[in-house]
Amino acid sequence: MSFQAYLDTIKAKTGKTPDDLRQLAEARGLLEGGKVAKGVKAGDVVAWLKEDFDLGRGHAMAIWALFANIKQMPAK
């Protein structure tokens, strides 16, 4: 599955774009100033996305990759 396919599936399942999830993560204290907050680990984000949006590990890790600047949003 391509990275874009992961993001498309996340949007279809949650109704949220990566930017929407970034704003929610900021509100929860998982991100500060658009960057991963000090002490926040991938597992924290995975647990939040599982609990609130029922996302599996692979899809949650795609969001983590964006938050941690491991991956960038694909150009459309």
N, C-alpha and C. Protein backbone atom coordinates (compact mmCIF):
# COMPACT_ATOMS: atom_id res chain seq x y z
N MET A 1 0.86 -1.17 0.00
CA MET A 1 0.00 0.00 0.00
C MET A 1 0.90 1.23 0.00
N SER A 2 0.61 2.17 -0.87
CA SER A 2 1.41 3.40 -0.91
C SER A 2 1.07 4.29 0.29
N PHE A 3 1.97 5.20 0.57
CA PHE A 3 1.74 6.12 1.67
C PHE A 3 0.46 6.92 1.44
N GLN A 4 0.25 7.36 0.20
CA GLN A 4 -0.97 8.11 -0.12
C GLN A 4 -2.21 7.26 0.12
N ALA A 5 -2.14 5.98 -0.19
CA ALA A 5 -3.28 5.09 0.05
C ALA A 5 -3.59 5.00 1.54
N TYR A 6 -2.54 4.95 2.38
CA TYR A 6 -2.77 4.97 3.83
C TYR A 6 -3.52 6.24 4.22
N LEU A 7 -3.07 7.38 3.73
CA LEU A 7 -3.71 8.65 4.09
C LEU A 7 -5.14 8.72 3.58
N ASP A 8 -5.39 8.20 2.38
CA ASP A 8 -6.75 8.18 1.83
C ASP A 8 -7.66 7.31 2.68
N THR A 9 -7.16 6.17 3.14
CA THR A 9 -7.95 5.27 3.98
C THR A 9 -8.24 5.91 5.33
N ILE A 10 -7.26 6.60 5.88
CA ILE A 10 -7.46 7.29 7.16
C ILE A 10 -8.57 8.33 7.02
N LYS A 11 -8.54 9.10 5.94
CA LYS A 11 -9.58 10.12 5.70
C LYS A 11 -10.94 9.47 5.55
N ALA A 12 -11.01 8.37 4.81
CA ALA A 12 -12.29 7.67 4.60
C ALA A 12 -12.83 7.12 5.92
N LYS A 13 -11.95 6.59 6.75
CA LYS A 13 -12.38 5.94 7.99
C LYS A 13 -12.74 6.96 9.08
N THR A 14 -11.96 8.05 9.16
CA THR A 14 -12.14 8.99 10.27
C THR A 14 -12.85 10.27 9.88
N GLY A 15 -12.85 10.58 8.58
CA GLY A 15 -13.37 11.87 8.14
C GLY A 15 -12.40 13.01 8.40
N LYS A 16 -11.19 12.68 8.82
CA LYS A 16 -10.18 13.68 9.18
C LYS A 16 -9.00 13.63 8.23
N THR A 17 -8.50 14.80 7.86
CA THR A 17 -7.28 14.89 7.08
C THR A 17 -6.09 14.85 8.04
N PRO A 18 -4.89 14.65 7.53
CA PRO A 18 -3.72 14.74 8.41
C PRO A 18 -3.63 16.10 9.12
N ASP A 19 -4.00 17.17 8.44
CA ASP A 19 -3.98 18.49 9.09
C ASP A 19 -5.00 18.56 10.23
N ASP A 20 -6.18 17.96 10.03
CA ASP A 20 -7.17 17.91 11.11
C ASP A 20 -6.61 17.15 12.31
N LEU A 21 -5.97 16.02 12.05
CA LEU A 21 -5.40 15.21 13.13
C LEU A 21 -4.26 15.95 13.81
N ARG A 22 -3.50 16.71 13.05
CA ARG A 22 -2.41 17.51 13.62
C ARG A 22 -2.98 18.54 14.61
N GLN A 23 -4.08 19.20 14.24
CA GLN A 23 -4.72 20.17 15.14
C GLN A 23 -5.23 19.50 16.41
N LEU A 24 -5.85 18.33 16.26
CA LEU A 24 -6.34 17.60 17.42
C LEU A 24 -5.18 17.16 18.32
N ALA A 25 -4.08 16.74 17.71
CA ALA A 25 -2.91 16.32 18.48
C ALA A 25 -2.31 17.51 19.24
N GLU A 26 -2.31 18.68 18.62
CA GLU A 26 -1.85 19.90 19.31
C GLU A 26 -2.71 20.15 20.55
N ALA A 27 -4.03 20.05 20.37
CA ALA A 27 -4.97 20.29 21.48
C ALA A 27 -4.77 19.29 22.62
N ARG A 28 -4.35 18.07 22.29
CA ARG A 28 -4.12 17.03 23.30
C ARG A 28 -2.73 17.13 23.93
N GLY A 29 -1.90 18.01 23.41
CA GLY A 29 -0.55 18.15 23.95
C GLY A 29 0.46 17.17 23.37
N LEU A 30 0.06 16.45 22.32
CA LEU A 30 0.99 15.52 21.68
C LEU A 30 1.97 16.25 20.77
N LEU A 31 1.55 17.40 20.27
CA LEU A 31 2.40 18.25 19.44
C LEU A 31 2.47 19.63 20.08
N GLU A 32 3.60 20.29 19.89
CA GLU A 32 3.77 21.67 20.34
C GLU A 32 4.42 22.44 19.20
N GLY A 33 3.74 23.47 18.72
CA GLY A 33 4.29 24.26 17.63
C GLY A 33 4.50 23.45 16.36
N GLY A 34 3.65 22.45 16.16
CA GLY A 34 3.74 21.62 14.96
C GLY A 34 4.76 20.50 15.05
N LYS A 35 5.46 20.40 16.17
CA LYS A 35 6.47 19.35 16.34
C LYS A 35 6.04 18.42 17.48
N VAL A 36 6.55 17.21 17.45
CA VAL A 36 6.24 16.25 18.51
C VAL A 36 6.69 16.85 19.84
N ALA A 37 5.79 16.85 20.81
CA ALA A 37 6.08 17.40 22.13
C ALA A 37 7.14 16.56 22.84
N LYS A 38 7.92 17.21 23.67
CA LYS A 38 8.96 16.53 24.43
C LYS A 38 8.36 15.37 25.22
N GLY A 39 8.97 14.21 25.10
CA GLY A 39 8.54 13.03 25.84
C GLY A 39 7.46 12.21 25.16
N VAL A 40 6.88 12.71 24.09
CA VAL A 40 5.83 11.97 23.38
C VAL A 40 6.49 10.94 22.46
N LYS A 41 6.03 9.71 22.56
CA LYS A 41 6.55 8.61 21.76
C LYS A 41 5.50 8.17 20.74
N ALA A 42 5.96 7.41 19.76
CA ALA A 42 5.05 6.90 18.73
C ALA A 42 3.88 6.15 19.37
N GLY A 43 4.15 5.37 20.39
CA GLY A 43 3.10 4.60 21.05
C GLY A 43 1.99 5.46 21.63
N ASP A 44 2.34 6.67 22.07
CA ASP A 44 1.33 7.60 22.59
C ASP A 44 0.35 8.01 21.49
N VAL A 45 0.89 8.31 20.33
CA VAL A 45 0.05 8.72 19.20
C VAL A 45 -0.76 7.53 18.69
N VAL A 46 -0.13 6.36 18.60
CA VAL A 46 -0.83 5.15 18.16
C VAL A 46 -1.99 4.85 19.10
N ALA A 47 -1.76 4.93 20.40
CA ALA A 47 -2.83 4.64 21.38
C ALA A 47 -3.98 5.63 21.24
N TRP A 48 -3.67 6.90 21.07
CA TRP A 48 -4.71 7.93 20.90
C TRP A 48 -5.54 7.66 19.65
N LEU A 49 -4.87 7.39 18.53
CA LEU A 49 -5.59 7.16 17.28
C LEU A 49 -6.41 5.87 17.32
N LYS A 50 -5.93 4.87 18.04
CA LYS A 50 -6.68 3.62 18.21
C LYS A 50 -7.93 3.89 19.05
N GLU A 51 -7.74 4.57 20.18
CA GLU A 51 -8.84 4.82 21.10
C GLU A 51 -9.91 5.73 20.50
N ASP A 52 -9.51 6.84 19.91
CA ASP A 52 -10.47 7.83 19.43
C ASP A 52 -11.00 7.56 18.03
N PHE A 53 -10.20 6.89 17.18
CA PHE A 53 -10.59 6.72 15.78
C PHE A 53 -10.57 5.28 15.30
N ASP A 54 -10.23 4.36 16.18
CA ASP A 54 -10.16 2.93 15.85
C ASP A 54 -9.22 2.65 14.67
N LEU A 55 -8.11 3.40 14.61
CA LEU A 55 -7.12 3.16 13.57
C LEU A 55 -6.17 2.05 14.02
N GLY A 56 -5.79 1.22 13.09
CA GLY A 56 -4.81 0.19 13.37
C GLY A 56 -3.41 0.77 13.43
N ARG A 57 -2.47 -0.07 13.83
CA ARG A 57 -1.09 0.38 14.02
C ARG A 57 -0.47 0.96 12.74
N GLY A 58 -0.66 0.30 11.61
CA GLY A 58 -0.06 0.77 10.37
C GLY A 58 -0.55 2.15 9.98
N HIS A 59 -1.84 2.37 10.07
CA HIS A 59 -2.40 3.67 9.72
C HIS A 59 -1.99 4.74 10.74
N ALA A 60 -1.97 4.36 12.00
CA ALA A 60 -1.53 5.31 13.03
C ALA A 60 -0.06 5.67 12.85
N MET A 61 0.75 4.71 12.47
CA MET A 61 2.17 4.99 12.25
C MET A 61 2.39 5.90 11.04
N ALA A 62 1.48 5.85 10.07
CA ALA A 62 1.56 6.79 8.95
C ALA A 62 1.38 8.22 9.45
N ILE A 63 0.44 8.41 10.36
CA ILE A 63 0.24 9.74 10.94
C ILE A 63 1.45 10.13 11.78
N TRP A 64 1.98 9.19 12.57
CA TRP A 64 3.19 9.46 13.35
C TRP A 64 4.33 9.90 12.42
N ALA A 65 4.47 9.24 11.29
CA ALA A 65 5.54 9.58 10.35
C ALA A 65 5.41 11.03 9.87
N LEU A 66 4.19 11.49 9.68
CA LEU A 66 3.99 12.90 9.32
C LEU A 66 4.34 13.82 10.49
N PHE A 67 3.85 13.47 11.68
CA PHE A 67 4.10 14.29 12.86
C PHE A 67 5.60 14.40 13.15
N ALA A 68 6.32 13.29 12.98
CA ALA A 68 7.75 13.24 13.32
C ALA A 68 8.64 13.66 12.15
N ASN A 69 8.02 14.12 11.07
CA ASN A 69 8.75 14.55 9.86
C ASN A 69 9.59 13.44 9.25
N ILE A 70 9.15 12.21 9.42
CA ILE A 70 9.80 11.07 8.76
C ILE A 70 9.32 11.01 7.32
N LYS A 71 8.05 11.34 7.12
CA LYS A 71 7.44 11.40 5.79
C LYS A 71 6.84 12.78 5.60
N GLN A 72 6.69 13.15 4.35
CA GLN A 72 6.04 14.41 3.98
C GLN A 72 4.74 14.08 3.25
N MET A 73 3.82 15.03 3.24
CA MET A 73 2.59 14.85 2.48
C MET A 73 2.94 14.66 1.01
N PRO A 74 2.42 13.61 0.39
CA PRO A 74 2.68 13.41 -1.05
C PRO A 74 2.08 14.54 -1.88
N ALA A 75 2.75 14.89 -2.94
CA ALA A 75 2.22 15.90 -3.87
C ALA A 75 1.09 15.26 -4.66
N LYS A 76 0.04 16.01 -4.87
CA LYS A 76 -1.09 15.46 -5.63
C LYS A 76 -1.03 15.89 -7.05
